[in-house]
C-alpha atoms as a PDB file:
ATOM      1  CA  MET A   1      -6.219  -1.963 -14.278  1.00  0.00           C
ATOM      2  CA  SER A   2      -9.195  -4.187 -13.182  1.00  0.00           C
ATOM      3  CA  GLU A   3     -11.865  -1.679 -13.963  1.00  0.00           C
ATOM      4  CA  LYS A   4     -10.487  -0.835 -17.229  1.00  0.00           C
ATOM      5  CA  ILE A   5     -11.311  -3.989 -18.371  1.00  0.00           C
ATOM      6  CA  GLY A   6     -14.697  -3.835 -17.240  1.00  0.00           C
ATOM      7  CA  PHE A   7     -14.834  -5.238 -13.563  1.00  0.00           C
ATOM      8  CA  GLU A   8     -16.727  -2.859 -10.738  1.00  0.00           C
ATOM      9  CA  VAL A   9     -13.990  -2.749  -8.046  1.00  0.00           C
ATOM     10  CA  GLU A  10     -14.868  -2.199  -4.451  1.00  0.00           C
ATOM     11  CA  VAL A  11     -11.849  -2.562  -1.849  1.00  0.00           C
ATOM     12  CA  LEU A  12     -12.994  -4.153   1.407  1.00  0.00           C
ATOM     13  CA  ARG A  13     -10.236  -3.816   4.162  1.00  0.00           C
ATOM     14  CA  SER A  14      -9.864  -5.778   7.320  1.00  0.00           C
ATOM     15  CA  ASP A  15     -10.940  -3.842  10.231  1.00  0.00           C
ATOM     16  CA  TRP A  16     -12.657  -4.636  13.588  1.00  0.00           C
ATOM     17  CA  ARG A  17     -15.301  -2.011  12.741  1.00  0.00           C
ATOM     18  CA  ILE A  18     -16.885  -3.539   9.763  1.00  0.00           C
ATOM     19  CA  GLU A  19     -20.095  -5.718  10.195  1.00  0.00           C
ATOM     20  CA  LEU A  20     -19.455  -9.532   9.482  1.00  0.00           C
ATOM     21  CA  VAL A  21     -23.346  -9.016   7.478  1.00  0.00           C
ATOM     22  CA  LYS A  22     -21.238  -6.424   5.034  1.00  0.00           C
ATOM     23  CA  ILE A  23     -18.397  -8.701   4.451  1.00  0.00           C
ATOM     24  CA  TYR A  24     -21.171 -11.833   3.746  1.00  0.00           C
ATOM     25  CA  TRP A  25     -22.845  -9.164   1.236  1.00  0.00           C
ATOM     26  CA  VAL A  26     -20.110  -8.072  -0.164  1.00  0.00           C
ATOM     27  CA  LEU A  27     -18.356 -11.329  -0.839  1.00  0.00           C
ATOM     28  CA  ASN A  28     -21.502 -13.351  -1.557  1.00  0.00           C
ATOM     29  CA  LEU A  29     -22.102 -10.688  -4.591  1.00  0.00           C
ATOM     30  CA  SER A  30     -18.157 -10.716  -5.775  1.00  0.00           C
ATOM     31  CA  ASP A  31     -17.398 -12.452  -8.993  1.00  0.00           C
ATOM     32  CA  VAL A  32     -13.974 -12.531  -8.629  1.00  0.00           C
ATOM     33  CA  VAL A  33     -11.984 -11.615  -4.915  1.00  0.00           C
ATOM     34  CA  ILE A  34      -8.439 -11.226  -4.855  1.00  0.00           C
ATOM     35  CA  GLY A  35      -6.688 -11.406  -1.296  1.00  0.00           C
ATOM     36  CA  VAL A  36      -3.226 -11.218   0.474  1.00  0.00           C
ATOM     37  CA  HIS A  37      -2.551 -14.317   2.283  1.00  0.00           C
ATOM     38  CA  GLY A  38      -3.521 -13.891   5.848  1.00  0.00           C
ATOM     39  CA  ALA A  39      -6.360 -14.829   8.582  1.00  0.00           C
ATOM     40  CA  THR A  40      -8.726 -12.373   6.493  1.00  0.00           C
ATOM     41  CA  MET A  41      -8.910 -14.503   3.643  1.00  0.00           C
ATOM     42  CA  THR A  42     -11.092 -17.286   5.547  1.00  0.00           C
ATOM     43  CA  HIS A  43     -13.593 -14.989   4.726  1.00  0.00           C
ATOM     44  CA  PHE A  44     -13.733 -16.457   1.420  1.00  0.00           C
ATOM     45  CA  LEU A  45     -16.212 -18.945   2.902  1.00  0.00           C
ATOM     46  CA  PHE A  46     -18.799 -16.450   1.977  1.00  0.00           C
ATOM     47  CA  MET A  47     -18.352 -16.601  -1.885  1.00  0.00           C
ATOM     48  CA  ARG A  48     -20.674 -18.809  -4.352  1.00  0.00           C
ATOM     49  CA  PRO A  49     -19.593 -22.084  -5.838  1.00  0.00           C
ATOM     50  CA  GLY A  50     -18.050 -21.290  -9.227  1.00  0.00           C
ATOM     51  CA  TYR A  51     -16.861 -17.979  -8.823  1.00  0.00           C
ATOM     52  CA  VAL A  52     -13.000 -16.864  -8.485  1.00  0.00           C
ATOM     53  CA  LEU A  53     -10.667 -16.788  -5.641  1.00  0.00           C
ATOM     54  CA  ILE A  54      -7.298 -14.901  -6.051  1.00  0.00           C
ATOM     55  CA  GLN A  55      -4.803 -15.352  -3.539  1.00  0.00           C
ATOM     56  CA  VAL A  56      -1.646 -13.120  -3.489  1.00  0.00           C
ATOM     57  CA  ILE A  57       0.914 -15.075  -1.635  1.00  0.00           C
ATOM     58  CA  PRO A  58       3.585 -13.534  -0.012  1.00  0.00           C
ATOM     59  CA  LEU A  59       7.409 -14.718   0.458  1.00  0.00           C
ATOM     60  CA  GLY A  60       7.611 -17.832   2.546  1.00  0.00           C
ATOM     61  CA  THR A  61       4.035 -18.795   2.743  1.00  0.00           C
ATOM     62  CA  SER A  62       3.373 -20.831   0.097  1.00  0.00           C
ATOM     63  CA  TRP A  63       2.678 -23.878   1.964  1.00  0.00           C
ATOM     64  CA  GLY A  64       0.232 -22.446   4.332  1.00  0.00           C
ATOM     65  CA  ALA A  65      -1.137 -20.638   1.542  1.00  0.00           C
ATOM     66  CA  GLU A  66      -2.192 -23.939  -0.497  1.00  0.00           C
ATOM     67  CA  ALA A  67      -3.089 -26.200   2.953  1.00  0.00           C
ATOM     68  CA  TYR A  68      -5.346 -23.581   4.284  1.00  0.00           C
ATOM     69  CA  PHE A  69      -6.598 -21.559   1.491  1.00  0.00           C
ATOM     70  CA  GLY A  70      -6.239 -23.351  -1.645  1.00  0.00           C
ATOM     71  CA  GLU A  71      -7.377 -27.192  -1.086  1.00  0.00           C
ATOM     72  CA  LEU A  72     -10.776 -25.761   0.724  1.00  0.00           C
ATOM     73  CA  ALA A  73     -11.542 -22.992  -2.041  1.00  0.00           C
ATOM     74  CA  ARG A  74     -11.123 -26.037  -4.554  1.00  0.00           C
ATOM     75  CA  LYS A  75     -13.354 -28.237  -2.297  1.00  0.00           C
ATOM     76  CA  LEU A  76     -16.044 -25.344  -2.137  1.00  0.00           C
ATOM     77  CA  ASP A  77     -15.953 -25.567  -5.838  1.00  0.00           C
ATOM     78  CA  LEU A  78     -14.446 -21.881  -6.338  1.00  0.00           C
ATOM     79  CA  ASN A  79     -11.787 -21.369  -9.057  1.00  0.00           C
ATOM     80  CA  TYR A  80      -8.610 -20.841  -7.332  1.00  0.00           C
ATOM     81  CA  SER A  81      -5.444 -19.016  -8.122  1.00  0.00           C
ATOM     82  CA  GLY A  82      -2.764 -18.771  -5.966  1.00  0.00           C
ATOM     83  CA  ASP A  83      -0.276 -15.739  -7.160  1.00  0.00           C
ATOM     84  CA  LYS A  84       3.239 -16.005  -5.266  1.00  0.00           C
ATOM     85  CA  ILE A  85       4.836 -12.495  -5.668  1.00  0.00           C
ATOM     86  CA  PHE A  86       8.155 -12.387  -6.335  1.00  0.00           C
ATOM     87  CA  PRO A  87      11.045 -11.080  -4.490  1.00  0.00           C
ATOM     88  CA  THR A  88      11.096  -7.497  -6.011  1.00  0.00           C
ATOM     89  CA  GLU A  89       7.266  -6.987  -5.209  1.00  0.00           C
ATOM     90  CA  SER A  90       8.005  -7.437  -1.359  1.00  0.00           C
ATOM     91  CA  SER A  91       8.487  -4.560   0.733  1.00  0.00           C
ATOM     92  CA  LEU A  92      11.310  -6.745   2.180  1.00  0.00           C
ATOM     93  CA  TYR A  93      13.175  -6.221  -1.270  1.00  0.00           C
ATOM     94  CA  ASP A  94      13.658  -2.926  -0.196  1.00  0.00           C
ATOM     95  CA  LYS A  95      14.783  -3.517   3.725  1.00  0.00           C
ATOM     96  CA  TYR A  96      16.986  -6.224   3.293  1.00  0.00           C
ATOM     97  CA  GLY A  97      17.963  -6.009  -0.565  1.00  0.00           C
ATOM     98  CA  LYS A  98      18.057  -8.877  -3.527  1.00  0.00           C
ATOM     99  CA  VAL A  99      20.729 -11.142  -2.035  1.00  0.00           C
ATOM    100  CA  ASP A 100      19.691 -11.419   1.711  1.00  0.00           C
ATOM    101  CA  PRO A 101      18.703 -14.740   2.734  1.00  0.00           C
ATOM    102  CA  VAL A 102      15.276 -13.491   3.602  1.00  0.00           C
ATOM    103  CA  LEU A 103      14.570 -13.021  -0.039  1.00  0.00           C
ATOM    104  CA  LYS A 104      16.679 -15.906  -1.139  1.00  0.00           C
ATOM    105  CA  ASN A 105      15.447 -18.414   0.971  1.00  0.00           C
ATOM    106  CA  PRO A 106      12.494 -16.933   3.363  1.00  0.00           C
ATOM    107  CA  ALA A 107      12.224 -20.688   5.063  1.00  0.00           C
ATOM    108  CA  MET A 108      15.578 -19.209   6.971  1.00  0.00           C
ATOM    109  CA  LYS A 109      13.839 -16.992   8.766  1.00  0.00           C
ATOM    110  CA  PRO A 110      10.178 -17.084  10.358  1.00  0.00           C
ATOM    111  CA  LEU A 111       8.454 -14.589   8.152  1.00  0.00           C
ATOM    112  CA  LEU A 112       5.728 -14.255  10.892  1.00  0.00           C
ATOM    113  CA  MET A 113       8.022 -12.268  12.914  1.00  0.00           C
ATOM    114  CA  LEU A 114       8.661 -10.334   9.925  1.00  0.00           C
ATOM    115  CA  PRO A 115       6.142  -7.240   8.838  1.00  0.00           C
ATOM    116  CA  TYR A 116       5.797  -7.750   5.027  1.00  0.00           C
ATOM    117  CA  LEU A 117       3.581  -6.060   2.359  1.00  0.00           C
ATOM    118  CA  THR A 118       2.932  -6.694  -1.190  1.00  0.00           C
ATOM    119  CA  MET A 119       3.239  -4.280  -4.252  1.00  0.00           C
ATOM    120  CA  VAL A 120       1.206  -6.683  -6.576  1.00  0.00           C
ATOM    121  CA  ASP A 121       1.291  -6.044 -10.094  1.00  0.00           C
ATOM    122  CA  ILE A 122      -2.630  -7.566 -11.226  1.00  0.00           C
ATOM    123  CA  CYS A 123      -1.119  -7.376 -14.867  1.00  0.00           C
ATOM    124  CA  GLN A 124       0.696 -10.806 -13.405  1.00  0.00           C
ATOM    125  CA  CYS A 125      -2.252 -12.350 -12.125  1.00  0.00           C
ATOM    126  CA  LYS A 126      -3.357 -15.435 -14.333  1.00  0.00           C
ATOM    127  CA  LEU A 127      -7.041 -14.840 -14.662  1.00  0.00           C
ATOM    128  CA  TYR A 128      -9.214 -17.662 -15.690  1.00  0.00           C
END
């Protein structure tokens, strides 16, 4: 989708073998970075002010997403957008079903103990 609208896309996966200098250069030269909430999101510190950071926010991580990344991104003068996923976009949806409390009220069960994946529909992201 992003390539179709004119972006050059480079996927940078978190891996212990990737040198920090590569992460620095990729992020420093990126106009837009899209990442899933987690420790690796701290690499956004290498982005230049005025550029765009979109954080994909899995179920039950809204507070941490804003407190740890959203506030800091704005202080660093990044154009920040947090995109909360819908329950149907989570791999937990297939595992637990749509009426399970894990999806209805994720705060009831610590999601840090649950593996989760997100299937992001980039068309739903609010691009500014």
